[in-house]
Amino acid sequence: MVHIWTLCTRLKKPQINIDSLTNKELKYERRLIVFIDILGFKDIVKQSEADTSKIELIYSVLEYLKDWEKTEKWDLKFVEIEESAQYKGVNNFDLRGKTNTTTFSDSIVVSVKVDDNVNEMASTLIVNLAYIGTVLLEKGILFRGGLTIGNIIHVDNGTVFGQGLIDAFMLETRSAKYPRIVLSDKLLNELNYPIETKRNSYPYHQYLDRYDDGCVGFHQLIYYQVIESWTEMTPELLTESLSKVRKVIISGLDSSFEKPEVFEKFKWLKEQYNKLIIHNDFDFETKTEEHIKQKIRELNDGIAGQNIHYSYTDNFYENRGKDKN
């Protein structure tokens, strides 16, 4: 069936002067650029045809990401608590008014205009992206992305193009692989490495890591490790958040027995979860662990039998912990 609007446009094609669509000179700007893709989006959409809760999930996630199109969202809340930012002047890390964000379907593009302040702008961008990652993960949403620096045109109405965008997209497609955002060689060459003294450090240094495959970046869980000492992150709130993401990972591990590519991503995320350093997790009086973060154990760890579900093992240790309390 032909859409009425399409039919009308066929009957009478409007004459558009392309030159009139912009009243300013367009030129490439040097920007930090991140391209992020939601993993498994097509499967969630397919599930939503039979499960209305998935419709609500999709809508809430897309609305949440769209809200980040407001430049004021990229604030200093998670940067101003960092000693390295305080030493260098917190206002130097403010990227509001320099940020453009475009969301479309299951992807999001963020760019930040930079000059000689790459380290400061990268810090605020990375810290906020890490936060976004945890919000999505607690909803059961995994993402991956590529972060680079390059030339791009990115305007307020959402129009975005340039080699920098292509580079970020290819980095996400070829290198990210797991639920993480990886950085390009080009960007890393402009960041402050090596860190010779504490004064040379920036907030992003606490988030970035070099992984076993050689890539440098940050995963969707790192926020919890870095932000643990923040006064607003109480042990109770951290325990609740980590419990949510543990359940998300467990559910992902057991979601299918015929999709190794999905299992591989959740297994990688499980390893990152178990590696998280939570200082308050250890009770020095009782000399016991797992007071905030319950580990995700291997199948049948310490349990008799040949169960095939990670949830069975996880529930066993969760119930045993409740019995001890």
Protein backbone atom coordinates (compact mmCIF):
# COMPACT_ATOMS: atom_id res chain seq x y z
CA MET A 1 0.00 0.00 0.00
CA VAL A 2 1.37 3.43 -0.94
CA HIS A 3 1.57 5.85 1.96
CA ILE A 4 -0.65 8.92 1.42
CA TRP A 5 2.27 11.28 2.03
CA THR A 6 4.37 9.41 -0.53
CA LEU A 7 1.52 9.57 -3.05
CA CYS A 8 1.14 13.30 -2.52
CA THR A 9 4.82 13.93 -3.02
CA ARG A 10 4.65 11.98 -6.27
CA LEU A 11 1.80 14.15 -7.49
CA LYS A 12 3.53 17.37 -6.61
CA LYS A 13 7.23 17.40 -5.85
CA PRO A 14 8.26 20.40 -3.79
CA GLN A 15 11.15 22.44 -5.08
CA ILE A 16 13.86 22.54 -2.41
CA ASN A 17 16.88 24.76 -2.51
CA ILE A 18 19.53 22.73 -0.67
CA ASP A 19 21.66 25.80 -0.14
CA SER A 20 18.85 27.34 1.90
CA LEU A 21 18.89 24.51 4.44
CA THR A 22 21.87 26.08 6.20
CA ASN A 23 22.66 29.69 6.82
CA LYS A 24 26.17 29.13 8.07
CA GLU A 25 29.39 27.88 6.64
CA LEU A 26 29.98 24.22 7.44
CA LYS A 27 33.47 23.04 8.20
CA TYR A 28 34.98 20.06 9.95
CA GLU A 29 35.80 20.37 13.64
CA ARG A 30 38.33 18.41 15.63
CA ARG A 31 36.34 16.41 18.13
CA LEU A 32 36.32 13.43 20.41
CA ILE A 33 33.87 10.97 18.85
CA VAL A 34 32.25 7.88 20.31
CA PHE A 35 29.99 5.51 18.44
CA ILE A 36 27.98 3.14 20.66
CA ASP A 37 25.83 0.19 19.62
CA ILE A 38 23.27 -1.61 21.81
CA LEU A 39 23.97 -5.33 21.71
CA GLY A 40 21.14 -7.76 20.99
CA PHE A 41 18.72 -4.98 20.08
CA LYS A 42 17.11 -6.93 17.25
CA ASP A 43 16.42 -9.87 19.55
CA ILE A 44 14.82 -7.59 22.15
CA VAL A 45 12.59 -6.06 19.47
CA LYS A 46 11.60 -9.54 18.27
CA GLN A 47 10.79 -10.60 21.85
CA SER A 48 8.67 -7.47 22.31
CA GLU A 49 6.04 -8.82 19.89
CA ALA A 50 5.10 -11.45 22.46
CA ASP A 51 6.27 -9.73 25.66
CA THR A 52 4.91 -6.24 26.29
CA SER A 53 7.46 -5.65 29.05
CA LYS A 54 10.12 -5.61 26.33
CA ILE A 55 8.27 -2.77 24.61
CA GLU A 56 8.47 -0.78 27.83
CA LEU A 57 12.17 -1.66 28.15
CA ILE A 58 12.98 -0.54 24.61
CA TYR A 59 11.06 2.69 25.03
CA SER A 60 12.64 3.54 28.40
CA VAL A 61 16.16 2.85 27.12
CA LEU A 62 15.73 4.91 23.95
CA GLU A 63 14.16 7.77 25.88
CA TYR A 64 16.99 7.65 28.42
CA LEU A 65 19.61 7.85 25.67
CA LYS A 66 17.72 10.60 23.87
CA ASP A 67 17.76 12.65 27.06
CA TRP A 68 21.55 12.78 26.73
CA GLU A 69 21.11 14.88 23.61
CA LYS A 70 20.80 17.79 26.05
CA THR A 71 24.29 19.18 26.48
CA GLU A 72 23.67 20.03 30.13
CA LYS A 73 23.39 16.32 30.92
CA TRP A 74 27.15 15.99 30.46
CA ASP A 75 27.89 17.60 33.81
CA LEU A 76 30.78 17.42 36.29
CA LYS A 77 29.08 15.38 39.02
CA PHE A 78 31.40 12.41 38.66
CA VAL A 79 34.50 14.45 37.82
CA GLU A 80 34.48 17.05 40.58
CA ILE A 81 34.94 14.33 43.22
CA GLU A 82 38.28 13.32 41.67
CA GLU A 83 41.42 14.70 43.30
CA SER A 84 43.17 14.96 39.94
CA ALA A 85 40.39 17.19 38.60
CA GLN A 86 40.37 19.35 41.73
CA TYR A 87 44.11 19.87 41.43
CA LYS A 88 43.84 20.98 37.79
CA GLY A 89 40.69 23.05 38.25
CA VAL A 90 37.30 21.38 37.91
CA ASN A 91 35.93 24.03 35.53
CA ASN A 92 38.57 23.04 32.97
CA PHE A 93 36.76 19.71 32.64
CA ASP A 94 33.38 21.21 31.77
CA LEU A 95 32.28 20.04 28.31
CA ARG A 96 28.74 21.42 28.43
CA GLY A 97 28.15 23.57 25.38
CA LYS A 98 30.83 21.65 23.50
CA THR A 99 28.91 18.39 23.20
CA ASN A 100 26.58 17.08 20.51
CA THR A 101 24.67 13.82 20.81
CA THR A 102 22.61 11.99 18.22
CA THR A 103 20.58 8.85 18.92
CA PHE A 104 19.07 6.71 16.20
CA SER A 105 17.55 3.26 16.59
CA ASP A 106 20.05 1.18 18.60
CA SER A 107 23.02 3.53 18.21
CA ILE A 108 24.27 6.72 19.80
CA VAL A 109 26.95 9.14 18.59
CA VAL A 110 28.54 11.65 20.95
CA SER A 111 31.14 14.20 19.94
CA VAL A 112 32.98 16.83 21.96
CA LYS A 113 34.80 19.81 20.48
CA VAL A 114 38.42 19.94 21.65
CA ASP A 115 41.52 22.08 21.20
CA ASP A 116 44.45 21.69 23.58
CA ASN A 117 42.24 20.23 26.34
CA VAL A 118 41.91 16.64 25.11
CA ASN A 119 42.78 15.11 28.50
CA GLU A 120 40.20 17.18 30.35
CA MET A 121 37.42 16.62 27.81
CA ALA A 122 38.20 12.90 27.52
CA SER A 123 37.96 12.60 31.30
CA THR A 124 34.45 14.02 31.56
CA LEU A 125 33.25 12.12 28.50
CA ILE A 126 34.59 8.76 29.71
CA VAL A 127 33.28 9.21 33.26
CA ASN A 128 29.78 9.97 32.01
CA LEU A 129 29.83 7.14 29.47
CA ALA A 130 30.81 4.75 32.25
CA TYR A 131 27.81 5.93 34.24
CA ILE A 132 25.49 5.48 31.26
CA GLY A 133 26.86 1.97 30.88
CA THR A 134 25.85 0.98 34.40
CA VAL A 135 22.36 2.46 34.07
CA LEU A 136 21.79 0.41 30.92
CA LEU A 137 23.38 -2.72 32.38
CA GLU A 138 21.08 -2.64 35.40
CA LYS A 139 18.21 -2.68 32.88
CA GLY A 140 19.74 -5.73 31.19
CA ILE A 141 21.16 -3.81 28.24
CA LEU A 142 24.71 -4.38 26.98
CA PHE A 143 26.56 -1.99 24.71
CA ARG A 144 29.91 -1.64 23.02
CA GLY A 145 31.60 1.27 21.32
CA GLY A 146 34.61 2.94 19.78
CA LEU A 147 36.11 6.23 20.96
CA THR A 148 38.49 8.24 18.82
CA ILE A 149 39.49 11.78 17.86
CA GLY A 150 39.12 13.23 14.40
CA ASN A 151 37.31 15.53 12.01
CA ILE A 152 33.55 15.58 12.04
CA ILE A 153 30.52 17.79 11.42
CA HIS A 154 27.97 17.30 14.17
CA VAL A 155 25.22 19.88 14.52
CA ASP A 156 22.39 20.40 16.97
CA ASN A 157 19.69 19.03 14.67
CA GLY A 158 21.37 15.62 14.67
CA THR A 159 23.15 15.77 11.31
CA VAL A 160 26.50 14.06 11.70
CA PHE A 161 29.17 12.90 9.22
CA GLY A 162 32.91 12.80 8.69
CA GLN A 163 35.94 10.54 8.73
CA GLY A 164 35.99 10.68 12.53
CA LEU A 165 32.55 9.09 12.69
CA ILE A 166 33.60 6.37 10.26
CA ASP A 167 36.70 5.67 12.36
CA ALA A 168 34.65 5.39 15.57
CA PHE A 169 32.14 3.10 13.86
CA MET A 170 34.84 0.82 12.47
CA LEU A 171 36.54 0.69 15.87
CA GLU A 172 33.27 -0.43 17.47
CA THR A 173 32.63 -2.97 14.73
CA ARG A 174 36.10 -4.49 14.44
CA SER A 175 37.69 -4.12 17.88
CA ALA A 176 35.17 -3.62 20.71
CA LYS A 177 33.63 -7.13 20.49
CA TYR A 178 32.66 -7.24 24.19
CA PRO A 179 30.51 -4.91 26.37
CA ARG A 180 33.13 -2.17 26.49
CA ILE A 181 34.24 1.01 24.76
CA VAL A 182 37.71 0.83 23.23
CA LEU A 183 39.97 3.75 22.38
CA SER A 184 41.80 4.30 19.11
CA ASP A 185 45.57 4.50 18.76
CA LYS A 186 45.11 8.04 17.50
CA LEU A 187 43.38 9.14 20.70
CA LEU A 188 45.66 7.22 23.04
CA ASN A 189 48.66 8.96 21.49
CA GLU A 190 47.19 12.27 22.67
CA LEU A 191 46.32 11.15 26.19
CA ASN A 192 48.70 11.53 29.09
CA TYR A 193 50.71 8.30 29.08
CA PRO A 194 52.91 7.20 30.73
CA ILE A 195 51.82 8.48 34.15
CA GLU A 196 55.10 9.42 35.78
CA THR A 197 53.70 11.21 38.84
CA LYS A 198 50.36 11.52 40.57
CA ARG A 199 50.12 15.11 39.36
CA ASN A 200 50.16 13.87 35.77
CA SER A 201 47.06 11.74 36.26
CA TYR A 202 43.56 12.52 35.02
CA PRO A 203 40.19 11.06 36.05
CA TYR A 204 40.06 8.78 33.00
CA HIS A 205 43.15 6.89 34.21
CA GLN A 206 41.00 5.14 36.84
CA TYR A 207 38.61 3.88 34.17
CA LEU A 208 40.93 2.72 31.40
CA ASP A 209 42.59 -0.67 31.29
CA ARG A 210 44.52 -2.70 28.76
CA TYR A 211 42.81 -6.02 28.10
CA ASP A 212 44.23 -9.41 27.24
CA ASP A 213 43.55 -8.86 23.52
CA GLY A 214 45.67 -5.68 23.55
CA CYS A 215 42.80 -3.17 23.36
CA VAL A 216 42.57 -0.26 25.77
CA GLY A 217 39.19 0.88 27.05
CA PHE A 218 36.61 0.56 29.82
CA HIS A 219 33.78 -1.90 30.39
CA GLN A 220 30.22 -1.39 31.59
CA LEU A 221 31.05 -2.26 35.21
CA ILE A 222 34.08 -0.10 35.97
CA TYR A 223 31.96 2.76 37.33
CA TYR A 224 31.18 0.73 40.47
CA GLN A 225 34.86 0.26 41.28
CA VAL A 226 35.84 3.89 40.75
CA ILE A 227 32.85 5.50 42.39
CA GLU A 228 32.79 3.33 45.54
CA SER A 229 34.32 6.08 47.72
CA TRP A 230 31.77 8.69 46.58
CA THR A 231 29.73 9.77 49.60
CA GLU A 232 26.43 9.30 47.74
CA MET A 233 27.34 5.69 46.87
CA THR A 234 26.43 4.01 50.15
CA PRO A 235 27.32 0.35 50.78
CA GLU A 236 23.60 -0.47 50.62
CA LEU A 237 23.17 1.22 47.24
CA LEU A 238 26.32 -0.40 45.86
CA THR A 239 25.21 -3.83 47.10
CA GLU A 240 21.81 -3.40 45.44
CA SER A 241 23.34 -2.27 42.12
CA LEU A 242 25.90 -5.07 42.01
CA SER A 243 23.22 -7.61 42.82
CA LYS A 244 21.18 -6.37 39.85
CA VAL A 245 24.05 -6.63 37.39
CA ARG A 246 25.07 -10.04 38.75
CA LYS A 247 21.57 -11.29 38.02
CA VAL A 248 21.73 -9.73 34.53
CA ILE A 249 24.99 -11.53 33.80
CA ILE A 250 23.69 -14.84 35.20
CA SER A 251 20.54 -14.52 33.10
CA GLY A 252 22.64 -13.78 30.02
CA LEU A 253 24.85 -16.82 30.61
CA ASP A 254 21.75 -19.03 30.77
CA SER A 255 19.77 -17.25 28.04
CA SER A 256 20.61 -19.74 25.30
CA PHE A 257 22.53 -22.95 24.75
CA GLU A 258 22.90 -22.51 20.99
CA LYS A 259 24.33 -18.98 20.69
CA PRO A 260 28.03 -19.16 21.61
CA GLU A 261 28.54 -15.57 20.44
CA VAL A 262 26.10 -14.37 23.11
CA PHE A 263 27.53 -16.64 25.80
CA GLU A 264 31.04 -15.40 24.99
CA LYS A 265 30.08 -11.77 25.72
CA PHE A 266 28.42 -12.59 29.04
CA LYS A 267 31.29 -14.85 30.05
CA TRP A 268 33.71 -11.98 29.40
CA LEU A 269 31.51 -9.67 31.44
CA LYS A 270 31.42 -12.22 34.26
CA GLU A 271 35.22 -12.16 34.38
CA GLN A 272 35.23 -8.36 34.57
CA TYR A 273 32.62 -8.45 37.32
CA ASN A 274 34.68 -10.85 39.42
CA LYS A 275 37.77 -8.68 38.91
CA LEU A 276 36.09 -5.56 40.30
CA ILE A 277 37.93 -4.29 43.37
CA ILE A 278 35.39 -3.30 46.03
CA HIS A 279 37.37 -2.29 49.12
CA ASN A 280 34.45 -2.49 51.55
CA ASP A 281 33.65 -6.02 50.42
CA PHE A 282 36.07 -7.45 53.02
CA ASP A 283 35.13 -7.54 56.69
CA PHE A 284 38.33 -7.26 58.72
CA GLU A 285 36.66 -8.41 61.94
CA THR A 286 35.31 -11.67 60.56
CA LYS A 287 37.96 -11.90 57.81
CA THR A 288 35.26 -12.76 55.30
CA GLU A 289 34.47 -11.48 51.81
CA GLU A 290 31.39 -10.95 49.65
CA HIS A 291 29.62 -8.50 51.95
CA ILE A 292 28.85 -6.22 49.01
CA LYS A 293 29.68 -8.16 45.86
CA GLN A 294 28.70 -11.81 45.61
CA LYS A 295 31.02 -13.56 43.19
CA ILE A 296 29.75 -15.26 40.06
CA ARG A 297 31.02 -18.81 40.42
CA GLU A 298 31.70 -21.42 37.81
CA LEU A 299 29.10 -24.08 37.13
CA ASN A 300 28.69 -26.51 40.06
CA ASP A 301 31.50 -24.86 42.03
CA GLY A 302 31.50 -26.78 45.32
CA ILE A 303 28.19 -28.43 44.46
CA ALA A 304 27.62 -32.10 43.68
CA GLY A 305 25.98 -32.85 40.38
CA GLN A 306 26.17 -31.83 36.74
CA ASN A 307 23.82 -28.86 36.53
CA ILE A 308 23.99 -26.79 33.36
CA HIS A 309 22.58 -23.49 34.68
CA TYR A 310 24.69 -20.76 36.27
CA SER A 311 21.55 -19.61 38.07
CA TYR A 312 21.42 -22.86 40.06
CA THR A 313 24.95 -22.36 41.40
CA ASP A 314 24.34 -18.65 42.04
CA ASN A 315 21.10 -19.30 43.95
CA PHE A 316 22.84 -21.95 46.05
CA TYR A 317 25.49 -19.50 47.28
CA GLU A 318 23.04 -16.63 47.62
CA ASN A 319 20.79 -18.72 49.89
CA ARG A 320 23.78 -19.97 51.86
CA GLY A 321 24.81 -16.37 52.45
CA LYS A 322 21.33 -15.51 53.71
CA ASP A 323 21.43 -18.48 56.10
CA LYS A 324 24.70 -17.23 57.59
CA ASN A 325 23.17 -13.80 58.19
